[in-house]
Amino acid sequence: HAVDSSAIAFEIAAKGAFRQSMPKAGAQLLEPIMHVDVFSPE
């Protein structure tokens, strides 16, 4: 909008967009995997 648009307005739009779309995009939890080296008697 020639008068009402501003950088702040678009930044707020992007934040709202993130909240709206992320759950639709199949959000998923990741966990850290460790490389483990075990020494064991036979």
Full PDB file with SEQRES, HELIX, SHEET, SSBOND, CRYST1, ORIGX, SCALE, CONECT and MASTER records, all heavy atoms in Angstrom:
SEQRES   1 A   42  HIS ALA VAL ASP SER SER ALA ILE ALA PHE GLU ILE ALA          
SEQRES   2 A   42  ALA LYS GLY ALA PHE ARG GLN SER MET PRO LYS ALA GLY          
SEQRES   3 A   42  ALA GLN LEU LEU GLU PRO ILE MET HIS VAL ASP VAL PHE          
SEQRES   4 A   42  SER PRO GLU                                                  
HELIX    1 AA1 ALA A    7  SER A   21  1                                  15    
HELIX    2 AA2 MET A   22  ALA A   25  5                                   4    
CRYST1    1.000    1.000    1.000  90.00  90.00  90.00 P 1           1          
ORIGX1      1.000000  0.000000  0.000000        0.00000                         
ORIGX2      0.000000  1.000000  0.000000        0.00000                         
ORIGX3      0.000000  0.000000  1.000000        0.00000                         
SCALE1      1.000000  0.000000  0.000000        0.00000                         
SCALE2      0.000000  1.000000  0.000000        0.00000                         
SCALE3      0.000000  0.000000  1.000000        0.00000                         
ATOM      1  N   HIS A   1       0.872  -1.169   0.000  1.00  0.00           N  
ATOM      2  CA  HIS A   1       0.000   0.000   0.000  1.00  0.00           C  
ATOM      3  C   HIS A   1       0.913   1.225   0.000  1.00  0.00           C  
ATOM      4  O   HIS A   1       1.848   1.300   0.790  1.00  0.00           O  
ATOM      5  CB  HIS A   1      -0.865  -0.043   1.265  1.00  0.00           C  
ATOM      6  CG  HIS A   1      -1.890   1.046   1.336  1.00  0.00           C  
ATOM      7  ND1 HIS A   1      -1.584   2.337   1.703  1.00  0.00           N  
ATOM      8  CD2 HIS A   1      -3.239   1.029   1.090  1.00  0.00           C  
ATOM      9  CE1 HIS A   1      -2.680   3.072   1.685  1.00  0.00           C  
ATOM     10  NE2 HIS A   1      -3.706   2.305   1.311  1.00  0.00           N  
ATOM     11  N   ALA A   2       0.634   2.171  -0.890  1.00  0.00           N  
ATOM     12  CA  ALA A   2       1.548   3.304  -1.059  1.00  0.00           C  
ATOM     13  C   ALA A   2       1.800   4.056   0.247  1.00  0.00           C  
ATOM     14  O   ALA A   2       2.899   4.516   0.512  1.00  0.00           O  
ATOM     15  CB  ALA A   2       0.990   4.258  -2.109  1.00  0.00           C  
ATOM     16  N   VAL A   3       0.765   4.172   1.107  1.00  0.00           N  
ATOM     17  CA  VAL A   3       0.932   4.936   2.349  1.00  0.00           C  
ATOM     18  C   VAL A   3       1.235   4.029   3.534  1.00  0.00           C  
ATOM     19  O   VAL A   3       2.153   4.268   4.312  1.00  0.00           O  
ATOM     20  CB  VAL A   3      -0.344   5.765   2.649  1.00  0.00           C  
ATOM     21  CG1 VAL A   3      -0.170   6.532   3.962  1.00  0.00           C  
ATOM     22  CG2 VAL A   3      -0.648   6.705   1.494  1.00  0.00           C  
ATOM     23  N   ASP A   4       0.449   2.973   3.664  1.00  0.00           N  
ATOM     24  CA  ASP A   4       0.507   2.177   4.902  1.00  0.00           C  
ATOM     25  C   ASP A   4       1.623   1.138   4.952  1.00  0.00           C  
ATOM     26  O   ASP A   4       1.877   0.556   6.006  1.00  0.00           O  
ATOM     27  CB  ASP A   4      -0.839   1.460   5.128  1.00  0.00           C  
ATOM     28  CG  ASP A   4      -1.948   2.472   5.447  1.00  0.00           C  
ATOM     29  OD1 ASP A   4      -1.580   3.654   5.643  1.00  0.00           O  
ATOM     30  OD2 ASP A   4      -3.121   2.081   5.485  1.00  0.00           O  
ATOM     31  N   SER A   5       2.269   0.838   3.842  1.00  0.00           N  
ATOM     32  CA  SER A   5       3.326  -0.189   3.889  1.00  0.00           C  
ATOM     33  C   SER A   5       4.615   0.390   4.454  1.00  0.00           C  
ATOM     34  O   SER A   5       4.994   1.519   4.130  1.00  0.00           O  
ATOM     35  CB  SER A   5       3.592  -0.753   2.491  1.00  0.00           C  
ATOM     36  OG  SER A   5       2.532  -1.624   2.150  1.00  0.00           O  
ATOM     37  N   SER A   6       5.279  -0.403   5.299  1.00  0.00           N  
ATOM     38  CA  SER A   6       6.576   0.010   5.864  1.00  0.00           C  
ATOM     39  C   SER A   6       7.375  -1.257   6.124  1.00  0.00           C  
ATOM     40  O   SER A   6       6.840  -2.363   6.085  1.00  0.00           O  
ATOM     41  CB  SER A   6       6.355   0.755   7.183  1.00  0.00           C  
ATOM     42  OG  SER A   6       5.771  -0.161   8.109  1.00  0.00           O  
ATOM     43  N   ALA A   7       8.665  -1.070   6.411  1.00  0.00           N  
ATOM     44  CA  ALA A   7       9.533  -2.232   6.692  1.00  0.00           C  
ATOM     45  C   ALA A   7       8.966  -3.010   7.878  1.00  0.00           C  
ATOM     46  O   ALA A   7       8.914  -4.240   7.872  1.00  0.00           O  
ATOM     47  CB  ALA A   7      10.959  -1.773   6.984  1.00  0.00           C  
ATOM     48  N   ILE A   8       8.526  -2.279   8.881  1.00  0.00           N  
ATOM     49  CA  ILE A   8       7.997  -2.924  10.098  1.00  0.00           C  
ATOM     50  C   ILE A   8       6.783  -3.786   9.768  1.00  0.00           C  
ATOM     51  O   ILE A   8       6.646  -4.912  10.246  1.00  0.00           O  
ATOM     52  CB  ILE A   8       7.663  -1.820  11.139  1.00  0.00           C  
ATOM     53  CG1 ILE A   8       8.658  -1.707  12.260  1.00  0.00           C  
ATOM     54  CG2 ILE A   8       6.295  -1.965  11.746  1.00  0.00           C  
ATOM     55  CD1 ILE A   8       9.247  -2.664  13.066  1.00  0.00           C  
ATOM     56  N   ALA A   9       5.915  -3.281   8.894  1.00  0.00           N  
ATOM     57  CA  ALA A   9       4.709  -4.038   8.539  1.00  0.00           C  
ATOM     58  C   ALA A   9       5.084  -5.363   7.877  1.00  0.00           C  
ATOM     59  O   ALA A   9       4.501  -6.417   8.170  1.00  0.00           O  
ATOM     60  CB  ALA A   9       3.845  -3.206   7.607  1.00  0.00           C  
ATOM     61  N   PHE A  10       6.086  -5.323   6.979  1.00  0.00           N  
ATOM     62  CA  PHE A  10       6.482  -6.566   6.297  1.00  0.00           C  
ATOM     63  C   PHE A  10       7.200  -7.533   7.255  1.00  0.00           C  
ATOM     64  O   PHE A  10       7.077  -8.752   7.127  1.00  0.00           O  
ATOM     65  CB  PHE A  10       7.348  -6.247   5.073  1.00  0.00           C  
ATOM     66  CG  PHE A  10       6.510  -5.932   3.853  1.00  0.00           C  
ATOM     67  CD1 PHE A  10       6.301  -4.617   3.450  1.00  0.00           C  
ATOM     68  CD2 PHE A  10       5.897  -6.951   3.138  1.00  0.00           C  
ATOM     69  CE1 PHE A  10       5.498  -4.325   2.352  1.00  0.00           C  
ATOM     70  CE2 PHE A  10       5.096  -6.670   2.031  1.00  0.00           C  
ATOM     71  CZ  PHE A  10       4.891  -5.362   1.638  1.00  0.00           C  
ATOM     72  N   GLU A  11       7.937  -6.971   8.203  1.00  0.00           N  
ATOM     73  CA  GLU A  11       8.618  -7.841   9.180  1.00  0.00           C  
ATOM     74  C   GLU A  11       7.576  -8.586  10.023  1.00  0.00           C  
ATOM     75  O   GLU A  11       7.672  -9.791  10.256  1.00  0.00           O  
ATOM     76  CB  GLU A  11       9.544  -7.003  10.079  1.00  0.00           C  
ATOM     77  CG  GLU A  11      10.472  -7.864  10.925  1.00  0.00           C  
ATOM     78  CD  GLU A  11      11.370  -7.028  11.836  1.00  0.00           C  
ATOM     79  OE1 GLU A  11      11.845  -5.935  11.431  1.00  0.00           O  
ATOM     80  OE2 GLU A  11      11.584  -7.471  12.972  1.00  0.00           O  
ATOM     81  N   ILE A  12       6.531  -7.843  10.446  1.00  0.00           N  
ATOM     82  CA  ILE A  12       5.466  -8.470  11.255  1.00  0.00           C  
ATOM     83  C   ILE A  12       4.728  -9.524  10.425  1.00  0.00           C  
ATOM     84  O   ILE A  12       4.402 -10.614  10.900  1.00  0.00           O  
ATOM     85  CB  ILE A  12       4.488  -7.395  11.789  1.00  0.00           C  
ATOM     86  CG1 ILE A  12       5.208  -6.492  12.800  1.00  0.00           C  
ATOM     87  CG2 ILE A  12       3.273  -8.056  12.450  1.00  0.00           C  
ATOM     88  CD1 ILE A  12       4.434  -5.261  13.228  1.00  0.00           C  
ATOM     89  N   ALA A  13       4.531  -9.222   9.132  1.00  0.00           N  
ATOM     90  CA  ALA A  13       3.864 -10.175   8.236  1.00  0.00           C  
ATOM     91  C   ALA A  13       4.660 -11.486   8.166  1.00  0.00           C  
ATOM     92  O   ALA A  13       4.099 -12.586   8.216  1.00  0.00           O  
ATOM     93  CB  ALA A  13       3.714  -9.569   6.845  1.00  0.00           C  
ATOM     94  N   ALA A  14       6.000 -11.347   8.058  1.00  0.00           N  
ATOM     95  CA  ALA A  14       6.854 -12.541   7.947  1.00  0.00           C  
ATOM     96  C   ALA A  14       6.762 -13.384   9.221  1.00  0.00           C  
ATOM     97  O   ALA A  14       6.706 -14.619   9.170  1.00  0.00           O  
ATOM     98  CB  ALA A  14       8.298 -12.128   7.675  1.00  0.00           C  
ATOM     99  N   LYS A  15       6.737 -12.725  10.390  1.00  0.00           N  
ATOM    100  CA  LYS A  15       6.650 -13.465  11.656  1.00  0.00           C  
ATOM    101  C   LYS A  15       5.341 -14.240  11.735  1.00  0.00           C  
ATOM    102  O   LYS A  15       5.298 -15.402  12.136  1.00  0.00           O  
ATOM    103  CB  LYS A  15       6.760 -12.504  12.854  1.00  0.00           C  
ATOM    104  CG  LYS A  15       8.171 -11.965  13.050  1.00  0.00           C  
ATOM    105  CD  LYS A  15       8.245 -11.019  14.242  1.00  0.00           C  
ATOM    106  CE  LYS A  15       9.678 -10.556  14.470  1.00  0.00           C  
ATOM    107  NZ  LYS A  15       9.782  -9.577  15.536  1.00  0.00           N  
ATOM    108  N   GLY A  16       4.239 -13.560  11.316  1.00  0.00           N  
ATOM    109  CA  GLY A  16       2.936 -14.226  11.329  1.00  0.00           C  
ATOM    110  C   GLY A  16       2.925 -15.401  10.359  1.00  0.00           C  
ATOM    111  O   GLY A  16       2.370 -16.471  10.642  1.00  0.00           O  
ATOM    112  N   ALA A  17       3.579 -15.197   9.204  1.00  0.00           N  
ATOM    113  CA  ALA A  17       3.627 -16.245   8.183  1.00  0.00           C  
ATOM    114  C   ALA A  17       4.348 -17.491   8.722  1.00  0.00           C  
ATOM    115  O   ALA A  17       3.922 -18.622   8.469  1.00  0.00           O  
ATOM    116  CB  ALA A  17       4.347 -15.719   6.948  1.00  0.00           C  
ATOM    117  N   PHE A  18       5.424 -17.271   9.457  1.00  0.00           N  
ATOM    118  CA  PHE A  18       6.198 -18.395  10.017  1.00  0.00           C  
ATOM    119  C   PHE A  18       5.305 -19.220  10.950  1.00  0.00           C  
ATOM    120  O   PHE A  18       5.209 -20.438  10.828  1.00  0.00           O  
ATOM    121  CB  PHE A  18       7.417 -17.834  10.779  1.00  0.00           C  
ATOM    122  CG  PHE A  18       8.318 -18.881  11.385  1.00  0.00           C  
ATOM    123  CD1 PHE A  18       9.414 -19.361  10.682  1.00  0.00           C  
ATOM    124  CD2 PHE A  18       8.074 -19.392  12.668  1.00  0.00           C  
ATOM    125  CE1 PHE A  18      10.248 -20.317  11.246  1.00  0.00           C  
ATOM    126  CE2 PHE A  18       8.905 -20.348  13.231  1.00  0.00           C  
ATOM    127  CZ  PHE A  18      10.004 -20.815  12.521  1.00  0.00           C  
ATOM    128  N   ARG A  19       4.590 -18.515  11.851  1.00  0.00           N  
ATOM    129  CA  ARG A  19       3.726 -19.218  12.817  1.00  0.00           C  
ATOM    130  C   ARG A  19       2.601 -19.973  12.112  1.00  0.00           C  
ATOM    131  O   ARG A  19       2.209 -21.046  12.517  1.00  0.00           O  
ATOM    132  CB  ARG A  19       3.139 -18.215  13.818  1.00  0.00           C  
ATOM    133  CG  ARG A  19       4.092 -17.882  14.955  1.00  0.00           C  
ATOM    134  CD  ARG A  19       3.362 -17.139  16.075  1.00  0.00           C  
ATOM    135  NE  ARG A  19       2.940 -15.798  15.626  1.00  0.00           N  
ATOM    136  CZ  ARG A  19       3.673 -14.700  15.805  1.00  0.00           C  
ATOM    137  NH1 ARG A  19       4.827 -14.773  16.424  1.00  0.00           N  
ATOM    138  NH2 ARG A  19       3.229 -13.528  15.377  1.00  0.00           N  
ATOM    139  N   GLN A  20       2.125 -19.375  11.015  1.00  0.00           N  
ATOM    140  CA  GLN A  20       0.990 -19.965  10.298  1.00  0.00           C  
ATOM    141  C   GLN A  20       1.417 -21.209   9.499  1.00  0.00           C  
ATOM    142  O   GLN A  20       0.700 -22.207   9.460  1.00  0.00           O  
ATOM    143  CB  GLN A  20       0.409 -18.902   9.351  1.00  0.00           C  
ATOM    144  CG  GLN A  20      -0.602 -19.430   8.338  1.00  0.00           C  
ATOM    145  CD  GLN A  20      -1.089 -18.303   7.426  1.00  0.00           C  
ATOM    146  OE1 GLN A  20      -1.692 -17.335   7.883  1.00  0.00           O  
ATOM    147  NE2 GLN A  20      -0.821 -18.422   6.124  1.00  0.00           N  
ATOM    148  N   SER A  21       2.603 -21.133   8.862  1.00  0.00           N  
ATOM    149  CA  SER A  21       2.951 -22.172   7.886  1.00  0.00           C  
ATOM    150  C   SER A  21       3.812 -23.310   8.432  1.00  0.00           C  
ATOM    151  O   SER A  21       3.780 -24.405   7.875  1.00  0.00           O  
ATOM    152  CB  SER A  21       3.691 -21.541   6.701  1.00  0.00           C  
ATOM    153  OG  SER A  21       2.891 -20.529   6.142  1.00  0.00           O  
ATOM    154  N   MET A  22       4.600 -23.046   9.465  1.00  0.00           N  
ATOM    155  CA  MET A  22       5.517 -24.100   9.928  1.00  0.00           C  
ATOM    156  C   MET A  22       4.779 -25.383  10.337  1.00  0.00           C  
ATOM    157  O   MET A  22       5.176 -26.479   9.955  1.00  0.00           O  
ATOM    158  CB  MET A  22       6.400 -23.607  11.094  1.00  0.00           C  
ATOM    159  CG  MET A  22       7.477 -22.653  10.666  1.00  0.00           C  
ATOM    160  SD  MET A  22       8.546 -23.264   9.374  1.00  0.00           S  
ATOM    161  CE  MET A  22       9.829 -23.989  10.348  1.00  0.00           C  
ATOM    162  N   PRO A  23       3.674 -25.290  11.106  1.00  0.00           N  
ATOM    163  CA  PRO A  23       2.982 -26.530  11.478  1.00  0.00           C  
ATOM    164  C   PRO A  23       2.464 -27.294  10.246  1.00  0.00           C  
ATOM    165  O   PRO A  23       2.408 -28.516  10.249  1.00  0.00           O  
ATOM    166  CB  PRO A  23       1.817 -26.048  12.351  1.00  0.00           C  
ATOM    167  CG  PRO A  23       2.258 -24.716  12.870  1.00  0.00           C  
ATOM    168  CD  PRO A  23       3.081 -24.114  11.772  1.00  0.00           C  
ATOM    169  N   LYS A  24       2.134 -26.537   9.152  1.00  0.00           N  
ATOM    170  CA  LYS A  24       1.637 -27.197   7.932  1.00  0.00           C  
ATOM    171  C   LYS A  24       2.766 -27.932   7.207  1.00  0.00           C  
ATOM    172  O   LYS A  24       2.522 -28.802   6.380  1.00  0.00           O  
ATOM    173  CB  LYS A  24       1.046 -26.155   6.962  1.00  0.00           C  
ATOM    174  CG  LYS A  24      -0.141 -25.361   7.483  1.00  0.00           C  
ATOM    175  CD  LYS A  24      -0.585 -24.391   6.385  1.00  0.00           C  
ATOM    176  CE  LYS A  24      -1.588 -23.362   6.917  1.00  0.00           C  
ATOM    177  NZ  LYS A  24      -1.858 -22.324   5.922  1.00  0.00           N  
ATOM    178  N   ALA A  25       4.026 -27.503   7.475  1.00  0.00           N  
ATOM    179  CA  ALA A  25       5.164 -28.032   6.705  1.00  0.00           C  
ATOM    180  C   ALA A  25       5.737 -29.306   7.339  1.00  0.00           C  
ATOM    181  O   ALA A  25       6.888 -29.672   7.075  1.00  0.00           O  
ATOM    182  CB  ALA A  25       6.241 -26.963   6.580  1.00  0.00           C  
ATOM    183  N   GLY A  26       4.942 -29.960   8.197  1.00  0.00           N  
ATOM    184  CA  GLY A  26       5.424 -31.217   8.797  1.00  0.00           C  
ATOM    185  C   GLY A  26       6.596 -30.983   9.742  1.00  0.00           C  
ATOM    186  O   GLY A  26       7.666 -31.573   9.583  1.00  0.00           O  
ATOM    187  N   ALA A  27       6.418 -30.084  10.724  1.00  0.00           N  
ATOM    188  CA  ALA A  27       7.511 -29.789  11.676  1.00  0.00           C  
ATOM    189  C   ALA A  27       7.927 -31.068  12.397  1.00  0.00           C  
ATOM    190  O   ALA A  27       7.093 -31.931  12.696  1.00  0.00           O  
ATOM    191  CB  ALA A  27       7.039 -28.742  12.674  1.00  0.00           C  
ATOM    192  N   GLN A  28       9.227 -31.156  12.674  1.00  0.00           N  
ATOM    193  CA  GLN A  28       9.758 -32.400  13.237  1.00  0.00           C  
ATOM    194  C   GLN A  28      10.873 -32.081  14.233  1.00  0.00           C  
ATOM    195  O   GLN A  28      11.617 -31.123  14.044  1.00  0.00           O  
ATOM    196  CB  GLN A  28      10.323 -33.214  12.067  1.00  0.00           C  
ATOM    197  CG  GLN A  28      10.841 -34.567  12.446  1.00  0.00           C  
ATOM    198  CD  GLN A  28      11.469 -35.242  11.236  1.00  0.00           C  
ATOM    199  OE1 GLN A  28      12.311 -34.659  10.577  1.00  0.00           O  
ATOM    200  NE2 GLN A  28      11.054 -36.462  10.959  1.00  0.00           N  
ATOM    201  N   LEU A  29      10.972 -32.921  15.279  1.00  0.00           N  
ATOM    202  CA  LEU A  29      12.007 -32.719  16.304  1.00  0.00           C  
ATOM    203  C   LEU A  29      13.267 -33.510  15.920  1.00  0.00           C  
ATOM    204  O   LEU A  29      13.171 -34.658  15.490  1.00  0.00           O  
ATOM    205  CB  LEU A  29      11.472 -33.221  17.652  1.00  0.00           C  
ATOM    206  CG  LEU A  29      12.130 -32.633  18.899  1.00  0.00           C  
ATOM    207  CD1 LEU A  29      11.911 -31.128  18.956  1.00  0.00           C  
ATOM    208  CD2 LEU A  29      11.546 -33.284  20.153  1.00  0.00           C  
ATOM    209  N   LEU A  30      14.444 -32.880  16.078  1.00  0.00           N  
ATOM    210  CA  LEU A  30      15.721 -33.569  15.806  1.00  0.00           C  
ATOM    211  C   LEU A  30      16.464 -33.764  17.127  1.00  0.00           C  
ATOM    212  O   LEU A  30      16.386 -32.917  18.013  1.00  0.00           O  
ATOM    213  CB  LEU A  30      16.603 -32.710  14.894  1.00  0.00           C  
ATOM    214  CG  LEU A  30      16.058 -32.360  13.514  1.00  0.00           C  
ATOM    215  CD1 LEU A  30      17.036 -31.431  12.805  1.00  0.00           C  
ATOM    216  CD2 LEU A  30      15.848 -33.615  12.687  1.00  0.00           C  
ATOM    217  N   GLU A  31      17.208 -34.866  17.230  1.00  0.00           N  
ATOM    218  CA  GLU A  31      17.996 -35.067  18.452  1.00  0.00           C  
ATOM    219  C   GLU A  31      19.469 -35.260  18.094  1.00  0.00           C  
ATOM    220  O   GLU A  31      19.797 -35.743  17.008  1.00  0.00           O  
ATOM    221  CB  GLU A  31      17.484 -36.289  19.231  1.00  0.00           C  
ATOM    222  CG  GLU A  31      17.568 -37.582  18.458  1.00  0.00           C  
ATOM    223  CD  GLU A  31      16.997 -38.763  19.239  1.00  0.00           C  
ATOM    224  OE1 GLU A  31      16.726 -38.601  20.443  1.00  0.00           O  
ATOM    225  OE2 GLU A  31      16.837 -39.820  18.644  1.00  0.00           O  
ATOM    226  N   PRO A  32      20.378 -34.857  19.024  1.00  0.00           N  
ATOM    227  CA  PRO A  32      21.803 -35.036  18.743  1.00  0.00           C  
ATOM    228  C   PRO A  32      22.182 -36.517  18.819  1.00  0.00           C  
ATOM    229  O   PRO A  32      21.802 -37.206  19.764  1.00  0.00           O  
ATOM    230  CB  PRO A  32      22.494 -34.236  19.849  1.00  0.00           C  
ATOM    231  CG  PRO A  32      21.476 -34.045  20.907  1.00  0.00           C  
ATOM    232  CD  PRO A  32      20.123 -34.195  20.295  1.00  0.00           C  
ATOM    233  N   ILE A  33      22.893 -36.988  17.808  1.00  0.00           N  
ATOM    234  CA  ILE A  33      23.370 -38.378  17.788  1.00  0.00           C  
ATOM    235  C   ILE A  33      24.865 -38.356  18.102  1.00  0.00           C  
ATOM    236  O   ILE A  33      25.621 -37.556  17.537  1.00  0.00           O  
ATOM    237  CB  ILE A  33      23.137 -39.012  16.396  1.00  0.00           C  
ATOM    238  CG1 ILE A  33      21.660 -38.941  16.021  1.00  0.00           C  
ATOM    239  CG2 ILE A  33      23.642 -40.450  16.369  1.00  0.00           C  
ATOM    240  CD1 ILE A  33      20.734 -39.780  16.856  1.00  0.00           C  
ATOM    241  N   MET A  34      25.279 -39.216  19.014  1.00  0.00           N  
ATOM    242  CA  MET A  34      26.676 -39.250  19.432  1.00  0.00           C  
ATOM    243  C   MET A  34      27.394 -40.424  18.786  1.00  0.00           C  
ATOM    244  O   MET A  34      26.822 -41.498  18.605  1.00  0.00           O  
ATOM    245  CB  MET A  34      26.780 -39.398  20.957  1.00  0.00           C  
ATOM    246  CG  MET A  34      25.970 -38.395  21.735  1.00  0.00           C  
ATOM    247  SD  MET A  34      26.351 -36.696  21.321  1.00  0.00           S  
ATOM    248  CE  MET A  34      27.848 -36.445  22.259  1.00  0.00           C  
ATOM    249  N   HIS A  35      28.660 -40.184  18.453  1.00  0.00           N  
ATOM    250  CA  HIS A  35      29.483 -41.282  17.964  1.00  0.00           C  
ATOM    251  C   HIS A  35      30.122 -41.921  19.203  1.00  0.00           C  
ATOM    252  O   HIS A  35      30.912 -41.287  19.888  1.00  0.00           O  
ATOM    253  CB  HIS A  35      30.547 -40.723  17.034  1.00  0.00           C  
ATOM    254  CG  HIS A  35      31.384 -41.789  16.434  1.00  0.00           C  
ATOM    255  ND1 HIS A  35      30.883 -42.669  15.517  1.00  0.00           N  
ATOM    256  CD2 HIS A  35      32.655 -42.162  16.671  1.00  0.00           C  
ATOM    257  CE1 HIS A  35      31.833 -43.536  15.204  1.00  0.00           C  
ATOM    258  NE2 HIS A  35      32.903 -43.248  15.891  1.00  0.00           N  
ATOM    259  N   VAL A  36      29.749 -43.146  19.512  1.00  0.00           N  
ATOM    260  CA  VAL A  36      30.182 -43.793  20.762  1.00  0.00           C  
ATOM    261  C   VAL A  36      31.181 -44.903  20.453  1.00  0.00           C  
ATOM    262  O   VAL A  36      30.963 -45.707  19.546  1.00  0.00           O  
ATOM    263  CB  VAL A  36      28.956 -44.379  21.512  1.00  0.00           C  
ATOM    264  CG1 VAL A  36      29.387 -45.041  22.807  1.00  0.00           C  
ATOM    265  CG2 VAL A  36      27.940 -43.289  21.798  1.00  0.00           C  
ATOM    266  N   ASP A  37      32.278 -44.905  21.205  1.00  0.00           N  
ATOM    267  CA  ASP A  37      33.336 -45.903  21.006  1.00  0.00           C  
ATOM    268  C   ASP A  37      33.478 -46.663  22.327  1.00  0.00           C  
ATOM    269  O   ASP A  37      33.915 -46.100  23.322  1.00  0.00           O  
ATOM    270  CB  ASP A  37      34.628 -45.135  20.680  1.00  0.00           C  
ATOM    271  CG  ASP A  37      35.727 -46.039  20.189  1.00  0.00           C  
ATOM    272  OD1 ASP A  37      35.603 -47.263  20.372  1.00  0.00           O  
ATOM    273  OD2 ASP A  37      36.719 -45.527  19.633  1.00  0.00           O  
ATOM    274  N   VAL A  38      33.046 -47.929  22.339  1.00  0.00           N  
ATOM    275  CA  VAL A  38      33.033 -48.689  23.598  1.00  0.00           C  
ATOM    276  C   VAL A  38      34.120 -49.753  23.570  1.00  0.00           C  
ATOM    277  O   VAL A  38      34.294 -50.442  22.563  1.00  0.00           O  
ATOM    278  CB  VAL A  38      31.670 -49.393  23.825  1.00  0.00           C  
ATOM    279  CG1 VAL A  38      31.611 -50.045  25.192  1.00  0.00           C  
ATOM    280  CG2 VAL A  38      30.528 -48.413  23.673  1.00  0.00           C  
ATOM    281  N   PHE A  39      34.852 -49.861  24.684  1.00  0.00           N  
ATOM    282  CA  PHE A  39      35.835 -50.938  24.804  1.00  0.00           C  
ATOM    283  C   PHE A  39      35.274 -51.966  25.789  1.00  0.00           C  
ATOM    284  O   PHE A  39      34.922 -51.623  26.902  1.00  0.00           O  
ATOM    285  CB  PHE A  39      37.157 -50.367  25.329  1.00  0.00           C  
ATOM    286  CG  PHE A  39      38.177 -51.424  25.578  1.00  0.00           C  
ATOM    287  CD1 PHE A  39      38.931 -51.934  24.533  1.00  0.00           C  
ATOM    288  CD2 PHE A  39      38.358 -51.953  26.844  1.00  0.00           C  
ATOM    289  CE1 PHE A  39      39.857 -52.938  24.751  1.00  0.00           C  
ATOM    290  CE2 PHE A  39      39.270 -52.959  27.068  1.00  0.00           C  
ATOM    291  CZ  PHE A  39      40.023 -53.454  26.019  1.00  0.00           C  
ATOM    292  N   SER A  40      35.170 -53.221  25.345  1.00  0.00           N  
ATOM    293  CA  SER A  40      34.559 -54.242  26.205  1.00  0.00           C  
ATOM    294  C   SER A  40      35.407 -55.513  26.201  1.00  0.00           C  
ATOM    295  O   SER A  40      35.959 -55.875  25.167  1.00  0.00           O  
ATOM    296  CB  SER A  40      33.153 -54.565  25.671  1.00  0.00           C  
ATOM    297  OG  SER A  40      32.736 -55.831  26.149  1.00  0.00           O  
ATOM    298  N   PRO A  41      35.524 -56.195  27.354  1.00  0.00           N  
ATOM    299  CA  PRO A  41      36.173 -57.504  27.354  1.00  0.00           C  
ATOM    300  C   PRO A  41      35.362 -58.467  26.478  1.00  0.00           C  
ATOM    301  O   PRO A  41      34.145 -58.303  26.351  1.00  0.00           O  
ATOM    302  CB  PRO A  41      36.114 -57.945  28.822  1.00  0.00           C  
ATOM    303  CG  PRO A  41      35.777 -56.728  29.587  1.00  0.00           C  
ATOM    304  CD  PRO A  41      35.041 -55.802  28.675  1.00  0.00           C  
ATOM    305  N   GLU A  42      36.044 -59.453  25.879  1.00  0.00           N  
ATOM    306  CA  GLU A  42      35.357 -60.353  24.939  1.00  0.00           C  
ATOM    307  C   GLU A  42      34.122 -61.023  25.532  1.00  0.00           C  
ATOM    308  O   GLU A  42      33.101 -61.175  24.876  1.00  0.00           O  
ATOM    309  CB  GLU A  42      36.334 -61.409  24.433  1.00  0.00           C  
ATOM    310  CG  GLU A  42      37.088 -60.912  23.211  1.00  0.00           C  
ATOM    311  CD  GLU A  42      38.115 -61.911  22.714  1.00  0.00           C  
ATOM    312  OE1 GLU A  42      37.836 -63.114  22.796  1.00  0.00           O  
ATOM    313  OE2 GLU A  42      39.175 -61.461  22.255  1.00  0.00           O  
TER     314      GLU A  42                                                      
MASTER        0    0    0    2    0    0    0    6  313    1    0    4          
END                                                                             
